[in-house]
Amino acid sequence: MEDKTRYNDEELAEFKELLDKKLEEAEKDLELLKAGLDDPTALRESLSQSEGEPLSLEEARQLAMRQEKFIRHLQDAQARIKNKTYGVCRVTGKLISKERLRLVPHATLSIAAKQQTDNAR
């Protein structure tokens, strides 16, 4: 039996749906953060850390930057779906497991490749 080199169109459609939902949520979250940066009082009232303490303006800026980066990663993953390279590890060239992609839909590394990369640091 031959190893698969890419996910089929039906599988890609499943991941596209997941990515679309994640992107929509991420964009809404970013809008809230940006609105809060324009109105710091509203930010303090609407966003709080798990301990219930208000976020500082700097923390909100950092969150917004991280959210923008996450959105770029999701958009890049959507592009990989369009060109049918989604789910292929950029180090090994093998398919990333569906379980990993369901948890981290913008992943570009298999678990093994990620561990190698992390251990090399």
Protein backbone atom coordinates (compact mmCIF):
# COMPACT_ATOMS: atom_id res chain seq x y z
CA MET A 1 0.00 0.00 0.00
CA GLU A 2 1.32 3.42 -0.99
CA ASP A 3 1.60 6.28 1.54
CA LYS A 4 -0.68 9.25 0.92
CA THR A 5 1.16 12.37 -0.16
CA ARG A 6 -1.73 14.79 0.40
CA TYR A 7 -5.22 14.97 1.83
CA ASN A 8 -8.05 14.43 -0.65
CA ASP A 9 -10.55 17.15 -1.57
CA GLU A 10 -13.16 15.90 0.91
CA GLU A 11 -10.63 15.97 3.76
CA LEU A 12 -9.43 19.42 2.70
CA ALA A 13 -13.04 20.67 2.73
CA GLU A 14 -13.38 19.49 6.34
CA PHE A 15 -10.24 21.38 7.34
CA LYS A 16 -11.33 24.47 5.36
CA GLU A 17 -14.55 24.57 7.36
CA LEU A 18 -12.58 24.34 10.61
CA LEU A 19 -10.17 27.07 9.49
CA ASP A 20 -13.01 29.34 8.37
CA LYS A 21 -14.63 29.08 11.83
CA LYS A 22 -11.34 29.71 13.64
CA LEU A 23 -10.59 32.70 11.42
CA GLU A 24 -14.03 34.21 11.98
CA GLU A 25 -13.63 33.88 15.76
CA ALA A 26 -10.09 35.27 15.67
CA GLU A 27 -11.15 38.29 13.62
CA LYS A 28 -14.01 39.04 16.04
CA ASP A 29 -11.62 38.81 18.98
CA LEU A 30 -9.18 41.15 17.24
CA GLU A 31 -11.96 43.67 16.56
CA LEU A 32 -12.83 43.69 20.26
CA LEU A 33 -9.20 44.20 21.22
CA LYS A 34 -8.74 47.02 18.73
CA ALA A 35 -11.95 48.72 19.85
CA GLY A 36 -10.69 48.48 23.41
CA LEU A 37 -7.38 50.05 22.46
CA ASP A 38 -9.29 53.03 21.08
CA ASP A 39 -11.35 53.23 24.28
CA PRO A 40 -9.21 52.08 27.23
CA THR A 41 -12.09 52.42 29.69
CA ALA A 42 -14.23 50.00 27.68
CA LEU A 43 -11.22 47.70 27.39
CA ARG A 44 -10.81 47.54 31.15
CA GLU A 45 -14.49 46.81 31.59
CA SER A 46 -14.79 44.14 28.87
CA LEU A 47 -11.48 42.29 29.10
CA SER A 48 -10.02 40.88 32.25
CA GLN A 49 -7.48 38.27 33.15
CA SER A 50 -8.51 34.99 34.75
CA GLU A 51 -7.99 36.48 38.23
CA GLY A 52 -10.49 39.18 37.36
CA GLU A 53 -7.87 41.93 37.14
CA PRO A 54 -8.19 44.36 34.24
CA LEU A 55 -5.76 44.11 31.33
CA SER A 56 -3.31 46.94 30.97
CA LEU A 57 -3.13 48.81 27.69
CA GLU A 58 0.24 47.19 26.97
CA GLU A 59 -1.14 43.69 27.63
CA ALA A 60 -4.03 44.42 25.27
CA ARG A 61 -1.59 45.63 22.58
CA GLN A 62 0.43 42.44 22.95
CA LEU A 63 -2.73 40.33 22.74
CA ALA A 64 -3.77 42.19 19.59
CA MET A 65 -0.36 41.57 18.00
CA ARG A 66 -0.54 37.87 18.86
CA GLN A 67 -4.06 37.72 17.45
CA GLU A 68 -2.92 39.34 14.20
CA LYS A 69 -0.12 36.77 13.91
CA PHE A 70 -2.59 33.94 14.55
CA ILE A 71 -4.89 35.32 11.83
CA ARG A 72 -1.96 35.39 9.36
CA HIS A 73 -1.20 31.75 10.19
CA LEU A 74 -4.84 30.79 9.59
CA GLN A 75 -4.89 32.69 6.29
CA ASP A 76 -1.67 30.95 5.22
CA ALA A 77 -3.29 27.61 6.04
CA GLN A 78 -6.29 28.55 3.88
CA ALA A 79 -3.89 29.27 1.00
CA ARG A 80 -2.32 25.83 1.49
CA ILE A 81 -5.77 24.29 1.22
CA LYS A 82 -6.35 26.09 -2.07
CA ASN A 83 -3.08 24.83 -3.53
CA LYS A 84 -3.63 21.39 -1.97
CA THR A 85 -0.46 21.36 0.11
CA TYR A 86 -2.32 21.69 3.42
CA GLY A 87 -1.35 19.15 6.04
CA VAL A 88 2.04 18.32 4.52
CA CYS A 89 4.93 18.71 6.99
CA ARG A 90 7.38 21.31 5.73
CA VAL A 91 10.32 19.35 7.18
CA THR A 92 9.53 15.71 6.42
CA GLY A 93 7.16 16.11 3.45
CA LYS A 94 4.82 13.59 5.08
CA LEU A 95 1.23 14.16 6.13
CA ILE A 96 0.59 15.76 9.50
CA SER A 97 -1.89 13.67 11.47
CA LYS A 98 -5.53 14.68 11.29
CA GLU A 99 -5.66 14.75 15.09
CA ARG A 100 -2.89 17.36 15.21
CA LEU A 101 -4.51 19.44 12.48
CA ARG A 102 -7.84 19.40 14.30
CA LEU A 103 -6.11 20.76 17.41
CA VAL A 104 -3.71 23.13 15.61
CA PRO A 105 -5.27 23.72 12.18
CA HIS A 106 -2.48 26.07 11.07
CA ALA A 107 0.29 23.56 11.88
CA THR A 108 3.05 23.17 9.30
CA LEU A 109 5.08 20.58 11.21
CA SER A 110 4.30 17.02 12.24
CA ILE A 111 4.70 16.19 15.92
CA ALA A 112 8.06 14.51 15.25
CA ALA A 113 9.37 17.49 13.26
CA LYS A 114 8.12 19.94 15.91
CA GLN A 115 9.91 17.97 18.64
CA GLN A 116 13.12 17.95 16.58
CA THR A 117 12.85 21.69 16.06
CA ASP A 118 12.16 22.32 19.75
CA ASN A 119 15.05 20.08 20.83
CA ALA A 120 17.44 21.87 18.47
CA ARG A 121 16.84 25.17 20.30
